[in-house]
Amino acid sequence: MPPRDAFLLRIDPKVLAALRRWADDDMRSVNAQVEFLLRRSLQEHGRWKPADGVDAEQAPKRGRPRKD
């Protein structure tokens, strides 16, 4: 995996709470959920072309593994 950059994100607490709930529903960390949503939005708006033909929906899921 290529190196990753870190940055500070200031976010409304209500937005963060909703994002946490969504990430939990999708079994992702909040960070992985933000990255997933950004990739999907960039792709939908023609701002990002995924490498190796992998789209945002097929990108590897990061975060916690499912509890089966």
PDB file of N, CA and C in Angstrom:
ATOM      1  N   MET A   1       0.839  -1.166   0.000  1.00  0.00           N
ATOM      2  CA  MET A   1       0.000   0.000   0.000  1.00  0.00           C
ATOM      3  C   MET A   1       0.893   1.241   0.000  1.00  0.00           C
ATOM      4  N   PRO A   2       0.546   2.240  -0.801  1.00  0.00           N
ATOM      5  CA  PRO A   2       1.349   3.457  -0.828  1.00  0.00           C
ATOM      6  C   PRO A   2       1.264   4.204   0.502  1.00  0.00           C
ATOM      7  N   PRO A   3       2.260   5.042   0.782  1.00  0.00           N
ATOM      8  CA  PRO A   3       2.213   5.813   2.034  1.00  0.00           C
ATOM      9  C   PRO A   3       1.001   6.730   2.053  1.00  0.00           C
ATOM     10  N   ARG A   4       0.527   7.045   3.234  1.00  0.00           N
ATOM     11  CA  ARG A   4      -0.661   7.871   3.387  1.00  0.00           C
ATOM     12  C   ARG A   4      -0.300   9.159   4.108  1.00  0.00           C
ATOM     13  N   ASP A   5      -0.964  10.234   3.716  1.00  0.00           N
ATOM     14  CA  ASP A   5      -0.780  11.524   4.371  1.00  0.00           C
ATOM     15  C   ASP A   5      -1.826  11.682   5.465  1.00  0.00           C
ATOM     16  N   ALA A   6      -1.456  12.374   6.509  1.00  0.00           N
ATOM     17  CA  ALA A   6      -2.386  12.677   7.598  1.00  0.00           C
ATOM     18  C   ALA A   6      -2.696  14.166   7.570  1.00  0.00           C
ATOM     19  N   PHE A   7      -3.950  14.513   7.947  1.00  0.00           N
ATOM     20  CA  PHE A   7      -4.303  15.918   8.057  1.00  0.00           C
ATOM     21  C   PHE A   7      -5.418  16.080   9.080  1.00  0.00           C
ATOM     22  N   LEU A   8      -5.522  17.254   9.633  1.00  0.00           N
ATOM     23  CA  LEU A   8      -6.529  17.581  10.631  1.00  0.00           C
ATOM     24  C   LEU A   8      -7.811  17.996   9.930  1.00  0.00           C
ATOM     25  N   LEU A   9      -8.941  17.491  10.391  1.00  0.00           N
ATOM     26  CA  LEU A   9     -10.234  17.835   9.818  1.00  0.00           C
ATOM     27  C   LEU A   9     -11.117  18.394  10.919  1.00  0.00           C
ATOM     28  N   ARG A  10     -11.535  19.627  10.756  1.00  0.00           N
ATOM     29  CA  ARG A  10     -12.486  20.218  11.699  1.00  0.00           C
ATOM     30  C   ARG A  10     -13.877  19.922  11.159  1.00  0.00           C
ATOM     31  N   ILE A  11     -14.740  19.354  12.010  1.00  0.00           N
ATOM     32  CA  ILE A  11     -16.044  18.910  11.542  1.00  0.00           C
ATOM     33  C   ILE A  11     -17.095  19.169  12.613  1.00  0.00           C
ATOM     34  N   ASP A  12     -18.279  19.508  12.177  1.00  0.00           N
ATOM     35  CA  ASP A  12     -19.402  19.735  13.078  1.00  0.00           C
ATOM     36  C   ASP A  12     -19.669  18.445  13.871  1.00  0.00           C
ATOM     37  N   PRO A  13     -19.863  18.533  15.172  1.00  0.00           N
ATOM     38  CA  PRO A  13     -20.072  17.333  15.986  1.00  0.00           C
ATOM     39  C   PRO A  13     -21.257  16.481  15.525  1.00  0.00           C
ATOM     40  N   LYS A  14     -22.317  17.111  15.038  1.00  0.00           N
ATOM     41  CA  LYS A  14     -23.477  16.348  14.562  1.00  0.00           C
ATOM     42  C   LYS A  14     -23.141  15.577  13.282  1.00  0.00           C
ATOM     43  N   VAL A  15     -22.345  16.187  12.429  1.00  0.00           N
ATOM     44  CA  VAL A  15     -21.917  15.507  11.211  1.00  0.00           C
ATOM     45  C   VAL A  15     -21.017  14.325  11.577  1.00  0.00           C
ATOM     46  N   LEU A  16     -20.121  14.529  12.517  1.00  0.00           N
ATOM     47  CA  LEU A  16     -19.231  13.454  12.950  1.00  0.00           C
ATOM     48  C   LEU A  16     -20.022  12.313  13.580  1.00  0.00           C
ATOM     49  N   ALA A  17     -21.029  12.631  14.374  1.00  0.00           N
ATOM     50  CA  ALA A  17     -21.848  11.586  14.996  1.00  0.00           C
ATOM     51  C   ALA A  17     -22.574  10.766  13.926  1.00  0.00           C
ATOM     52  N   ALA A  18     -23.123  11.433  12.926  1.00  0.00           N
ATOM     53  CA  ALA A  18     -23.803  10.724  11.834  1.00  0.00           C
ATOM     54  C   ALA A  18     -22.809   9.866  11.056  1.00  0.00           C
ATOM     55  N   LEU A  19     -21.613  10.398  10.827  1.00  0.00           N
ATOM     56  CA  LEU A  19     -20.574   9.660  10.116  1.00  0.00           C
ATOM     57  C   LEU A  19     -20.145   8.431  10.912  1.00  0.00           C
ATOM     58  N   ARG A  20     -20.033   8.565  12.226  1.00  0.00           N
ATOM     59  CA  ARG A  20     -19.674   7.417  13.077  1.00  0.00           C
ATOM     60  C   ARG A  20     -20.729   6.321  12.985  1.00  0.00           C
ATOM     61  N   ARG A  21     -22.022   6.714  13.028  1.00  0.00           N
ATOM     62  CA  ARG A  21     -23.096   5.723  12.929  1.00  0.00           C
ATOM     63  C   ARG A  21     -23.027   4.992  11.590  1.00  0.00           C
ATOM     64  N   TRP A  22     -22.808   5.757  10.512  1.00  0.00           N
ATOM     65  CA  TRP A  22     -22.731   5.169   9.175  1.00  0.00           C
ATOM     66  C   TRP A  22     -21.527   4.237   9.074  1.00  0.00           C
ATOM     67  N   ALA A  23     -20.388   4.668   9.592  1.00  0.00           N
ATOM     68  CA  ALA A  23     -19.189   3.831   9.565  1.00  0.00           C
ATOM     69  C   ALA A  23     -19.433   2.537  10.345  1.00  0.00           C
ATOM     70  N   ASP A  24     -20.076   2.638  11.495  1.00  0.00           N
ATOM     71  CA  ASP A  24     -20.398   1.435  12.281  1.00  0.00           C
ATOM     72  C   ASP A  24     -21.309   0.496  11.495  1.00  0.00           C
ATOM     73  N   ASP A  25     -22.308   1.054  10.827  1.00  0.00           N
ATOM     74  CA  ASP A  25     -23.224   0.238  10.021  1.00  0.00           C
ATOM     75  C   ASP A  25     -22.485  -0.505   8.912  1.00  0.00           C
ATOM     76  N   ASP A  26     -21.483   0.144   8.335  1.00  0.00           N
ATOM     77  CA  ASP A  26     -20.703  -0.447   7.241  1.00  0.00           C
ATOM     78  C   ASP A  26     -19.474  -1.205   7.735  1.00  0.00           C
ATOM     79  N   MET A  27     -19.327  -1.316   9.058  1.00  0.00           N
ATOM     80  CA  MET A  27     -18.190  -2.016   9.663  1.00  0.00           C
ATOM     81  C   MET A  27     -16.859  -1.425   9.221  1.00  0.00           C
ATOM     82  N   ARG A  28     -16.789  -0.089   9.176  1.00  0.00           N
ATOM     83  CA  ARG A  28     -15.557   0.615   8.821  1.00  0.00           C
ATOM     84  C   ARG A  28     -15.184   1.545   9.962  1.00  0.00           C
ATOM     85  N   SER A  29     -13.922   1.944   9.977  1.00  0.00           N
ATOM     86  CA  SER A  29     -13.513   3.016  10.870  1.00  0.00           C
ATOM     87  C   SER A  29     -14.028   4.323  10.283  1.00  0.00           C
ATOM     88  N   VAL A  30     -14.077   5.368  11.087  1.00  0.00           N
ATOM     89  CA  VAL A  30     -14.509   6.673  10.583  1.00  0.00           C
ATOM     90  C   VAL A  30     -13.555   7.136   9.486  1.00  0.00           C
ATOM     91  N   ASN A  31     -12.270   6.923   9.681  1.00  0.00           N
ATOM     92  CA  ASN A  31     -11.289   7.323   8.678  1.00  0.00           C
ATOM     93  C   ASN A  31     -11.539   6.609   7.346  1.00  0.00           C
ATOM     94  N   ALA A  32     -11.767   5.308   7.400  1.00  0.00           N
ATOM     95  CA  ALA A  32     -12.024   4.539   6.177  1.00  0.00           C
ATOM     96  C   ALA A  32     -13.321   4.989   5.520  1.00  0.00           C
ATOM     97  N   GLN A  33     -14.324   5.334   6.332  1.00  0.00           N
ATOM     98  CA  GLN A  33     -15.598   5.795   5.780  1.00  0.00           C
ATOM     99  C   GLN A  33     -15.423   7.128   5.059  1.00  0.00           C
ATOM    100  N   VAL A  34     -14.667   8.038   5.653  1.00  0.00           N
ATOM    101  CA  VAL A  34     -14.406   9.329   5.015  1.00  0.00           C
ATOM    102  C   VAL A  34     -13.681   9.114   3.687  1.00  0.00           C
ATOM    103  N   GLU A  35     -12.661   8.264   3.691  1.00  0.00           N
ATOM    104  CA  GLU A  35     -11.914   8.004   2.460  1.00  0.00           C
ATOM    105  C   GLU A  35     -12.812   7.364   1.409  1.00  0.00           C
ATOM    106  N   PHE A  36     -13.644   6.413   1.805  1.00  0.00           N
ATOM    107  CA  PHE A  36     -14.570   5.769   0.886  1.00  0.00           C
ATOM    108  C   PHE A  36     -15.509   6.798   0.253  1.00  0.00           C
ATOM    109  N   LEU A  37     -16.088   7.665   1.076  1.00  0.00           N
ATOM    110  CA  LEU A  37     -17.022   8.666   0.563  1.00  0.00           C
ATOM    111  C   LEU A  37     -16.333   9.683  -0.344  1.00  0.00           C
ATOM    112  N   LEU A  38     -15.130  10.083   0.023  1.00  0.00           N
ATOM    113  CA  LEU A  38     -14.390  11.018  -0.830  1.00  0.00           C
ATOM    114  C   LEU A  38     -14.055  10.387  -2.178  1.00  0.00           C
ATOM    115  N   ARG A  39     -13.593   9.146  -2.165  1.00  0.00           N
ATOM    116  CA  ARG A  39     -13.278   8.459  -3.430  1.00  0.00           C
ATOM    117  C   ARG A  39     -14.518   8.347  -4.315  1.00  0.00           C
ATOM    118  N   ARG A  40     -15.629   7.948  -3.702  1.00  0.00           N
ATOM    119  CA  ARG A  40     -16.866   7.780  -4.474  1.00  0.00           C
ATOM    120  C   ARG A  40     -17.327   9.110  -5.059  1.00  0.00           C
ATOM    121  N   SER A  41     -17.272  10.151  -4.269  1.00  0.00           N
ATOM    122  CA  SER A  41     -17.688  11.473  -4.753  1.00  0.00           C
ATOM    123  C   SER A  41     -16.766  11.970  -5.861  1.00  0.00           C
ATOM    124  N   LEU A  42     -15.459  11.828  -5.670  1.00  0.00           N
ATOM    125  CA  LEU A  42     -14.507  12.248  -6.700  1.00  0.00           C
ATOM    126  C   LEU A  42     -14.740  11.495  -8.004  1.00  0.00           C
ATOM    127  N   GLN A  43     -15.013  10.202  -7.903  1.00  0.00           N
ATOM    128  CA  GLN A  43     -15.243   9.404  -9.093  1.00  0.00           C
ATOM    129  C   GLN A  43     -16.546   9.826  -9.780  1.00  0.00           C
ATOM    130  N   GLU A  44     -17.605  10.034  -9.006  1.00  0.00           N
ATOM    131  CA  GLU A  44     -18.901  10.433  -9.573  1.00  0.00           C
ATOM    132  C   GLU A  44     -18.821  11.765 -10.302  1.00  0.00           C
ATOM    133  N   HIS A  45     -17.934  12.638  -9.857  1.00  0.00           N
ATOM    134  CA  HIS A  45     -17.810  13.965 -10.448  1.00  0.00           C
ATOM    135  C   HIS A  45     -16.669  14.061 -11.458  1.00  0.00           C
ATOM    136  N   GLY A  46     -16.097  12.908 -11.807  1.00  0.00           N
ATOM    137  CA  GLY A  46     -15.060  12.880 -12.827  1.00  0.00           C
ATOM    138  C   GLY A  46     -13.748  13.518 -12.414  1.00  0.00           C
ATOM    139  N   ARG A  47     -13.497  13.584 -11.123  1.00  0.00           N
ATOM    140  CA  ARG A  47     -12.264  14.200 -10.610  1.00  0.00           C
ATOM    141  C   ARG A  47     -11.187  13.200 -10.264  1.00  0.00           C
ATOM    142  N   TRP A  48     -11.530  11.903 -10.297  1.00  0.00           N
ATOM    143  CA  TRP A  48     -10.558  10.880  -9.904  1.00  0.00           C
ATOM    144  C   TRP A  48     -10.808   9.632 -10.719  1.00  0.00           C
ATOM    145  N   LYS A  49      -9.756   9.139 -11.317  1.00  0.00           N
ATOM    146  CA  LYS A  49      -9.811   7.884 -12.062  1.00  0.00           C
ATOM    147  C   LYS A  49      -9.091   6.831 -11.234  1.00  0.00           C
ATOM    148  N   PRO A  50      -9.811   5.815 -10.775  1.00  0.00           N
ATOM    149  CA  PRO A  50      -9.170   4.787  -9.950  1.00  0.00           C
ATOM    150  C   PRO A  50      -8.116   4.005 -10.726  1.00  0.00           C
ATOM    151  N   ALA A  51      -7.070   3.623 -10.036  1.00  0.00           N
ATOM    152  CA  ALA A  51      -5.985   2.835 -10.642  1.00  0.00           C
ATOM    153  C   ALA A  51      -6.443   1.395 -10.832  1.00  0.00           C
ATOM    154  N   ASP A  52      -5.926   0.769 -11.824  1.00  0.00           N
ATOM    155  CA  ASP A  52      -6.172  -0.654 -12.084  1.00  0.00           C
ATOM    156  C   ASP A  52      -7.647  -0.987 -12.288  1.00  0.00           C
ATOM    157  N   GLY A  53      -8.447  -0.023 -12.693  1.00  0.00           N
ATOM    158  CA  GLY A  53      -9.847  -0.278 -12.990  1.00  0.00           C
ATOM    159  C   GLY A  53     -10.706  -0.583 -11.778  1.00  0.00           C
ATOM    160  N   VAL A  54     -10.247  -0.280 -10.588  1.00  0.00           N
ATOM    161  CA  VAL A  54     -11.029  -0.534  -9.379  1.00  0.00           C
ATOM    162  C   VAL A  54     -11.815   0.719  -9.048  1.00  0.00           C
ATOM    163  N   ASP A  55     -13.145   0.594  -8.975  1.00  0.00           N
ATOM    164  CA  ASP A  55     -13.941   1.771  -8.634  1.00  0.00           C
ATOM    165  C   ASP A  55     -14.115   1.860  -7.123  1.00  0.00           C
ATOM    166  N   ALA A  56     -14.770   2.909  -6.666  1.00  0.00           N
ATOM    167  CA  ALA A  56     -14.907   3.157  -5.226  1.00  0.00           C
ATOM    168  C   ALA A  56     -15.664   2.032  -4.527  1.00  0.00           C
ATOM    169  N   GLU A  57     -16.636   1.436  -5.208  1.00  0.00           N
ATOM    170  CA  GLU A  57     -17.414   0.361  -4.596  1.00  0.00           C
ATOM    171  C   GLU A  57     -16.602  -0.920  -4.457  1.00  0.00           C
ATOM    172  N   GLN A  58     -15.602  -1.116  -5.336  1.00  0.00           N
ATOM    173  CA  GLN A  58     -14.806  -2.327  -5.312  1.00  0.00           C
ATOM    174  C   GLN A  58     -13.508  -2.168  -4.538  1.00  0.00           C
ATOM    175  N   ALA A  59     -13.220  -0.953  -4.102  1.00  0.00           N
ATOM    176  CA  ALA A  59     -11.970  -0.707  -3.382  1.00  0.00           C
ATOM    177  C   ALA A  59     -11.931  -1.574  -2.129  1.00  0.00           C
ATOM    178  N   PRO A  60     -10.747  -2.012  -1.722  1.00  0.00           N
ATOM    179  CA  PRO A  60     -10.679  -2.845  -0.529  1.00  0.00           C
ATOM    180  C   PRO A  60     -11.240  -2.117   0.677  1.00  0.00           C
ATOM    181  N   LYS A  61     -12.028  -2.849   1.457  1.00  0.00           N
ATOM    182  CA  LYS A  61     -12.612  -2.251   2.652  1.00  0.00           C
ATOM    183  C   LYS A  61     -11.586  -2.225   3.754  1.00  0.00           C
ATOM    184  N   ARG A  62     -11.492  -1.106   4.409  1.00  0.00           N
ATOM    185  CA  ARG A  62     -10.581  -0.967   5.523  1.00  0.00           C
ATOM    186  C   ARG A  62     -11.406  -0.884   6.793  1.00  0.00           C
ATOM    187  N   GLY A  63     -10.769  -1.027   7.902  1.00  0.00           N
ATOM    188  CA  GLY A  63     -11.474  -0.904   9.165  1.00  0.00           C
ATOM    189  C   GLY A  63     -11.588  -2.252   9.853  1.00  0.00           C
ATOM    190  N   ARG A  64     -12.518  -2.322  10.761  1.00  0.00           N
ATOM    191  CA  ARG A  64     -12.687  -3.521  11.566  1.00  0.00           C
ATOM    192  C   ARG A  64     -13.260  -4.661  10.743  1.00  0.00           C
ATOM    193  N   PRO A  65     -12.797  -5.878  10.998  1.00  0.00           N
ATOM    194  CA  PRO A  65     -13.390  -7.022  10.312  1.00  0.00           C
ATOM    195  C   PRO A  65     -14.781  -7.311  10.877  1.00  0.00           C
ATOM    196  N   ARG A  66     -15.612  -7.926  10.059  1.00  0.00           N
ATOM    197  CA  ARG A  66     -16.965  -8.271  10.498  1.00  0.00           C
ATOM    198  C   ARG A  66     -16.932  -9.300  11.607  1.00  0.00           C
ATOM    199  N   LYS A  67     -17.893  -9.198  12.509  1.00  0.00           N
ATOM    200  CA  LYS A  67     -18.040 -10.181  13.592  1.00  0.00           C
ATOM    201  C   LYS A  67     -19.086 -11.194  13.139  1.00  0.00           C
ATOM    202  N   ASP A  68     -18.633 -12.341  12.670  1.00  0.00           N
ATOM    203  CA  ASP A  68     -19.575 -13.370  12.195  1.00  0.00           C
ATOM    204  C   ASP A  68     -19.812 -14.424  13.226  1.00  0.00           C
TER     205      ASP A  68
END
